[in-house]
PDB file of N, CA and C in Angstrom:
ATOM      1  N   UNK A   1       0.844  -1.171   0.000  1.00  0.00           N
ATOM      2  CA  UNK A   1       0.000   0.000   0.000  1.00  0.00           C
ATOM      3  C   UNK A   1       0.891   1.236   0.000  1.00  0.00           C
ATOM      4  N   UNK A   2       0.764   2.058  -1.019  1.00  0.00           N
ATOM      5  CA  UNK A   2       1.548   3.279  -1.100  1.00  0.00           C
ATOM      6  C   UNK A   2       0.759   4.417  -0.472  1.00  0.00           C
ATOM      7  N   UNK A   3       1.474   5.283   0.193  1.00  0.00           N
ATOM      8  CA  UNK A   3       0.827   6.438   0.819  1.00  0.00           C
ATOM      9  C   UNK A   3       1.826   7.229   1.634  1.00  0.00           C
ATOM     10  N   UNK A   4       1.424   8.389   2.065  1.00  0.00           N
ATOM     11  CA  UNK A   4       2.278   9.263   2.856  1.00  0.00           C
ATOM     12  C   UNK A   4       1.761   9.378   4.276  1.00  0.00           C
ATOM     13  N   UNK A   5       2.675   9.652   5.186  1.00  0.00           N
ATOM     14  CA  UNK A   5       2.332   9.982   6.556  1.00  0.00           C
ATOM     15  C   UNK A   5       2.621  11.462   6.737  1.00  0.00           C
ATOM     16  N   UNK A   6       1.720  12.156   7.437  1.00  0.00           N
ATOM     17  CA  UNK A   6       1.863  13.591   7.632  1.00  0.00           C
ATOM     18  C   UNK A   6       1.853  13.926   9.110  1.00  0.00           C
ATOM     19  N   UNK A   7       2.644  14.923   9.480  1.00  0.00           N
ATOM     20  CA  UNK A   7       2.580  15.483  10.818  1.00  0.00           C
ATOM     21  C   UNK A   7       1.557  16.605  10.742  1.00  0.00           C
ATOM     22  N   UNK A   8       0.465  16.472  11.512  1.00  0.00           N
ATOM     23  CA  UNK A   8      -0.647  17.420  11.459  1.00  0.00           C
ATOM     24  C   UNK A   8      -0.770  18.121  12.806  1.00  0.00           C
ATOM     25  N   UNK A   9      -0.936  19.444  12.763  1.00  0.00           N
ATOM     26  CA  UNK A   9      -1.084  20.229  13.996  1.00  0.00           C
ATOM     27  C   UNK A   9      -2.563  20.548  14.193  1.00  0.00           C
ATOM     28  N   UNK A  10      -3.079  20.173  15.344  1.00  0.00           N
ATOM     29  CA  UNK A  10      -4.462  20.463  15.702  1.00  0.00           C
ATOM     30  C   UNK A  10      -4.603  21.970  15.920  1.00  0.00           C
ATOM     31  N   UNK A  11      -5.584  22.583  15.278  1.00  0.00           N
ATOM     32  CA  UNK A  11      -5.762  24.030  15.420  1.00  0.00           C
ATOM     33  C   UNK A  11      -6.409  24.405  16.754  1.00  0.00           C
ATOM     34  N   UNK A  12      -6.992  23.438  17.452  1.00  0.00           N
ATOM     35  CA  UNK A  12      -7.630  23.734  18.736  1.00  0.00           C
ATOM     36  C   UNK A  12      -6.657  23.706  19.905  1.00  0.00           C
ATOM     37  N   UNK A  13      -5.753  22.707  19.940  1.00  0.00           N
ATOM     38  CA  UNK A  13      -4.867  22.563  21.106  1.00  0.00           C
ATOM     39  C   UNK A  13      -3.382  22.582  20.760  1.00  0.00           C
ATOM     40  N   UNK A  14      -3.038  22.718  19.464  1.00  0.00           N
ATOM     41  CA  UNK A  14      -1.653  22.793  18.985  1.00  0.00           C
ATOM     42  C   UNK A  14      -0.881  21.473  19.109  1.00  0.00           C
ATOM     43  N   UNK A  15      -1.560  20.370  19.416  1.00  0.00           N
ATOM     44  CA  UNK A  15      -0.916  19.061  19.460  1.00  0.00           C
ATOM     45  C   UNK A  15      -0.525  18.645  18.043  1.00  0.00           C
ATOM     46  N   UNK A  16       0.669  18.049  17.892  1.00  0.00           N
ATOM     47  CA  UNK A  16       1.085  17.507  16.601  1.00  0.00           C
ATOM     48  C   UNK A  16       0.989  15.993  16.655  1.00  0.00           C
ATOM     49  N   UNK A  17       0.447  15.421  15.593  1.00  0.00           N
ATOM     50  CA  UNK A  17       0.223  13.983  15.562  1.00  0.00           C
ATOM     51  C   UNK A  17       0.410  13.488  14.135  1.00  0.00           C
ATOM     52  N   UNK A  18       0.881  12.260  13.990  1.00  0.00           N
ATOM     53  CA  UNK A  18       1.112  11.668  12.679  1.00  0.00           C
ATOM     54  C   UNK A  18      -0.172  11.017  12.172  1.00  0.00           C
ATOM     55  N   UNK A  19      -0.512  11.329  10.905  1.00  0.00           N
ATOM     56  CA  UNK A  19      -1.739  10.831  10.287  1.00  0.00           C
ATOM     57  C   UNK A  19      -1.379  10.205   8.945  1.00  0.00           C
ATOM     58  N   UNK A  20      -1.965   9.043   8.647  1.00  0.00           N
ATOM     59  CA  UNK A  20      -1.765   8.400   7.349  1.00  0.00           C
ATOM     60  C   UNK A  20      -2.623   9.122   6.316  1.00  0.00           C
ATOM     61  N   UNK A  21      -2.046   9.442   5.185  1.00  0.00           N
ATOM     62  CA  UNK A  21      -2.732  10.212   4.152  1.00  0.00           C
ATOM     63  C   UNK A  21      -3.918   9.510   3.518  1.00  0.00           C
ATOM     64  N   UNK A  22      -4.002   8.189   3.661  1.00  0.00           N
ATOM     65  CA  UNK A  22      -5.134   7.430   3.115  1.00  0.00           C
ATOM     66  C   UNK A  22      -5.883   6.731   4.245  1.00  0.00           C
ATOM     67  N   UNK A  23      -6.075   7.448   5.338  1.00  0.00           N
ATOM     68  CA  UNK A  23      -6.743   6.880   6.510  1.00  0.00           C
ATOM     69  C   UNK A  23      -8.129   6.362   6.141  1.00  0.00           C
ATOM     70  N   UNK A  24      -8.469   5.176   6.606  1.00  0.00           N
ATOM     71  CA  UNK A  24      -9.765   4.574   6.282  1.00  0.00           C
ATOM     72  C   UNK A  24     -10.780   4.772   7.405  1.00  0.00           C
ATOM     73  N   UNK A  25     -10.355   5.366   8.512  1.00  0.00           N
ATOM     74  CA  UNK A  25     -11.264   5.699   9.602  1.00  0.00           C
ATOM     75  C   UNK A  25     -10.997   7.145  10.012  1.00  0.00           C
ATOM     76  N   UNK A  26     -11.938   7.736  10.713  1.00  0.00           N
ATOM     77  CA  UNK A  26     -11.781   9.100  11.190  1.00  0.00           C
ATOM     78  C   UNK A  26     -10.656   9.145  12.214  1.00  0.00           C
ATOM     79  N   UNK A  27      -9.793  10.168  12.103  1.00  0.00           N
ATOM     80  CA  UNK A  27      -8.663  10.316  13.020  1.00  0.00           C
ATOM     81  C   UNK A  27      -8.940  11.491  13.938  1.00  0.00           C
ATOM     82  N   UNK A  28      -8.936  11.240  15.254  1.00  0.00           N
ATOM     83  CA  UNK A  28      -9.191  12.276  16.243  1.00  0.00           C
ATOM     84  C   UNK A  28      -7.889  12.673  16.934  1.00  0.00           C
ATOM     85  N   UNK A  29      -7.818  13.922  17.368  1.00  0.00           N
ATOM     86  CA  UNK A  29      -6.668  14.404  18.130  1.00  0.00           C
ATOM     87  C   UNK A  29      -6.597  13.621  19.440  1.00  0.00           C
ATOM     88  N   UNK A  30      -5.409  13.172  19.791  1.00  0.00           N
ATOM     89  CA  UNK A  30      -5.227  12.378  21.002  1.00  0.00           C
ATOM     90  C   UNK A  30      -5.403  13.208  22.272  1.00  0.00           C
ATOM     91  N   UNK A  31      -5.283  14.530  22.177  1.00  0.00           N
ATOM     92  CA  UNK A  31      -5.383  15.393  23.346  1.00  0.00           C
ATOM     93  C   UNK A  31      -6.808  15.904  23.561  1.00  0.00           C
ATOM     94  N   UNK A  32      -7.398  16.516  22.513  1.00  0.00           N
ATOM     95  CA  UNK A  32      -8.698  17.172  22.704  1.00  0.00           C
ATOM     96  C   UNK A  32      -9.854  16.483  21.985  1.00  0.00           C
ATOM     97  N   UNK A  33      -9.576  15.523  21.112  1.00  0.00           N
ATOM     98  CA  UNK A  33     -10.629  14.767  20.452  1.00  0.00           C
ATOM     99  C   UNK A  33     -11.190  15.378  19.182  1.00  0.00           C
ATOM    100  N   UNK A  34     -10.664  16.522  18.750  1.00  0.00           N
ATOM    101  CA  UNK A  34     -11.107  17.154  17.509  1.00  0.00           C
ATOM    102  C   UNK A  34     -10.763  16.255  16.329  1.00  0.00           C
ATOM    103  N   UNK A  35     -11.620  16.189  15.334  1.00  0.00           N
ATOM    104  CA  UNK A  35     -11.370  15.380  14.141  1.00  0.00           C
ATOM    105  C   UNK A  35     -10.272  16.031  13.306  1.00  0.00           C
ATOM    106  N   UNK A  36      -9.190  15.283  13.059  1.00  0.00           N
ATOM    107  CA  UNK A  36      -8.074  15.785  12.257  1.00  0.00           C
ATOM    108  C   UNK A  36      -8.214  15.375  10.797  1.00  0.00           C
ATOM    109  N   UNK A  37      -8.740  14.183  10.550  1.00  0.00           N
ATOM    110  CA  UNK A  37      -8.862  13.686   9.177  1.00  0.00           C
ATOM    111  C   UNK A  37     -10.084  12.791   9.052  1.00  0.00           C
ATOM    112  N   UNK A  38     -10.697  12.836   7.855  1.00  0.00           N
ATOM    113  CA  UNK A  38     -11.861  12.004   7.555  1.00  0.00           C
ATOM    114  C   UNK A  38     -11.584  11.197   6.303  1.00  0.00           C
ATOM    115  N   UNK A  39     -12.022   9.932   6.272  1.00  0.00           N
ATOM    116  CA  UNK A  39     -11.832   9.120   5.067  1.00  0.00           C
ATOM    117  C   UNK A  39     -12.743   9.593   3.946  1.00  0.00           C
ATOM    118  N   UNK A  40     -12.262   9.468   2.700  1.00  0.00           N
ATOM    119  CA  UNK A  40     -13.069   9.864   1.547  1.00  0.00           C
ATOM    120  C   UNK A  40     -13.123   8.757   0.505  1.00  0.00           C
ATOM    121  N   UNK A  41     -12.544   7.596   0.792  1.00  0.00           N
ATOM    122  CA  UNK A  41     -12.504   6.514  -0.176  1.00  0.00           C
ATOM    123  C   UNK A  41     -11.181   6.482  -0.927  1.00  0.00           C
ATOM    124  N   UNK A  42     -10.389   7.501  -0.774  1.00  0.00           N
ATOM    125  CA  UNK A  42      -9.051   7.602  -1.381  1.00  0.00           C
ATOM    126  C   UNK A  42      -8.166   8.297  -0.373  1.00  0.00           C
ATOM    127  N   UNK A  43      -7.654   9.450  -0.754  1.00  0.00           N
ATOM    128  CA  UNK A  43      -6.876  10.242   0.194  1.00  0.00           C
ATOM    129  C   UNK A  43      -7.804  10.817   1.254  1.00  0.00           C
ATOM    130  N   UNK A  44      -7.338  10.829   2.497  1.00  0.00           N
ATOM    131  CA  UNK A  44      -8.138  11.367   3.588  1.00  0.00           C
ATOM    132  C   UNK A  44      -8.230  12.887   3.465  1.00  0.00           C
ATOM    133  N   UNK A  45      -9.324  13.439   3.933  1.00  0.00           N
ATOM    134  CA  UNK A  45      -9.492  14.885   3.972  1.00  0.00           C
ATOM    135  C   UNK A  45      -8.936  15.363   5.307  1.00  0.00           C
ATOM    136  N   UNK A  46      -7.803  16.074   5.257  1.00  0.00           N
ATOM    137  CA  UNK A  46      -7.140  16.554   6.473  1.00  0.00           C
ATOM    138  C   UNK A  46      -7.594  17.987   6.703  1.00  0.00           C
ATOM    139  N   UNK A  47      -8.233  18.224   7.856  1.00  0.00           N
ATOM    140  CA  UNK A  47      -8.876  19.499   8.142  1.00  0.00           C
ATOM    141  C   UNK A  47      -7.971  20.516   8.838  1.00  0.00           C
ATOM    142  N   UNK A  48      -6.786  20.116   9.228  1.00  0.00           N
ATOM    143  CA  UNK A  48      -5.911  21.001   9.994  1.00  0.00           C
ATOM    144  C   UNK A  48      -4.580  21.182   9.279  1.00  0.00           C
ATOM    145  N   UNK A  49      -3.691  21.969   9.861  1.00  0.00           N
ATOM    146  CA  UNK A  49      -2.410  22.313   9.225  1.00  0.00           C
ATOM    147  C   UNK A  49      -1.485  21.100   9.115  1.00  0.00           C
ATOM    148  N   UNK A  50      -1.004  20.845   7.896  1.00  0.00           N
ATOM    149  CA  UNK A  50       0.011  19.814   7.688  1.00  0.00           C
ATOM    150  C   UNK A  50       1.366  20.466   7.905  1.00  0.00           C
ATOM    151  N   UNK A  51       2.090  20.020   8.915  1.00  0.00           N
ATOM    152  CA  UNK A  51       3.377  20.605   9.270  1.00  0.00           C
ATOM    153  C   UNK A  51       4.460  20.097   8.353  1.00  0.00           C
ATOM    154  N   UNK A  52       4.487  18.777   8.103  1.00  0.00           N
ATOM    155  CA  UNK A  52       5.483  18.179   7.225  1.00  0.00           C
ATOM    156  C   UNK A  52       5.057  16.789   6.787  1.00  0.00           C
ATOM    157  N   UNK A  53       5.674  16.328   5.705  1.00  0.00           N
ATOM    158  CA  UNK A  53       5.502  14.940   5.291  1.00  0.00           C
ATOM    159  C   UNK A  53       6.534  14.137   6.053  1.00  0.00           C
ATOM    160  N   UNK A  54       6.073  13.194   6.854  1.00  0.00           N
ATOM    161  CA  UNK A  54       6.974  12.415   7.710  1.00  0.00           C
ATOM    162  C   UNK A  54       7.658  11.323   6.913  1.00  0.00           C
ATOM    163  N   UNK A  55       6.902  10.621   6.052  1.00  0.00           N
ATOM    164  CA  UNK A  55       7.467   9.512   5.292  1.00  0.00           C
ATOM    165  C   UNK A  55       6.719   9.395   3.979  1.00  0.00           C
ATOM    166  N   UNK A  56       7.465   9.234   2.890  1.00  0.00           N
ATOM    167  CA  UNK A  56       6.868   9.010   1.576  1.00  0.00           C
ATOM    168  C   UNK A  56       7.168   7.602   1.126  1.00  0.00           C
ATOM    169  N   UNK A  57       6.198   6.975   0.496  1.00  0.00           N
ATOM    170  CA  UNK A  57       6.394   5.642  -0.060  1.00  0.00           C
ATOM    171  C   UNK A  57       5.858   5.611  -1.442  1.00  0.00           C
TER     172      UNK A  57
END
């Protein structure tokens, strides 16, 4: 499975967390519970700031 991992910063609490770019389930912030990414059937819709690409494949 090819895809990228992104470091995403939550706009509510400033927590940074790694998210898979093709996430198949909703990804919530580990600190405050805000939704960071939603599945769309392909690439996930990331709703917050992408700080960097952590790993490319």
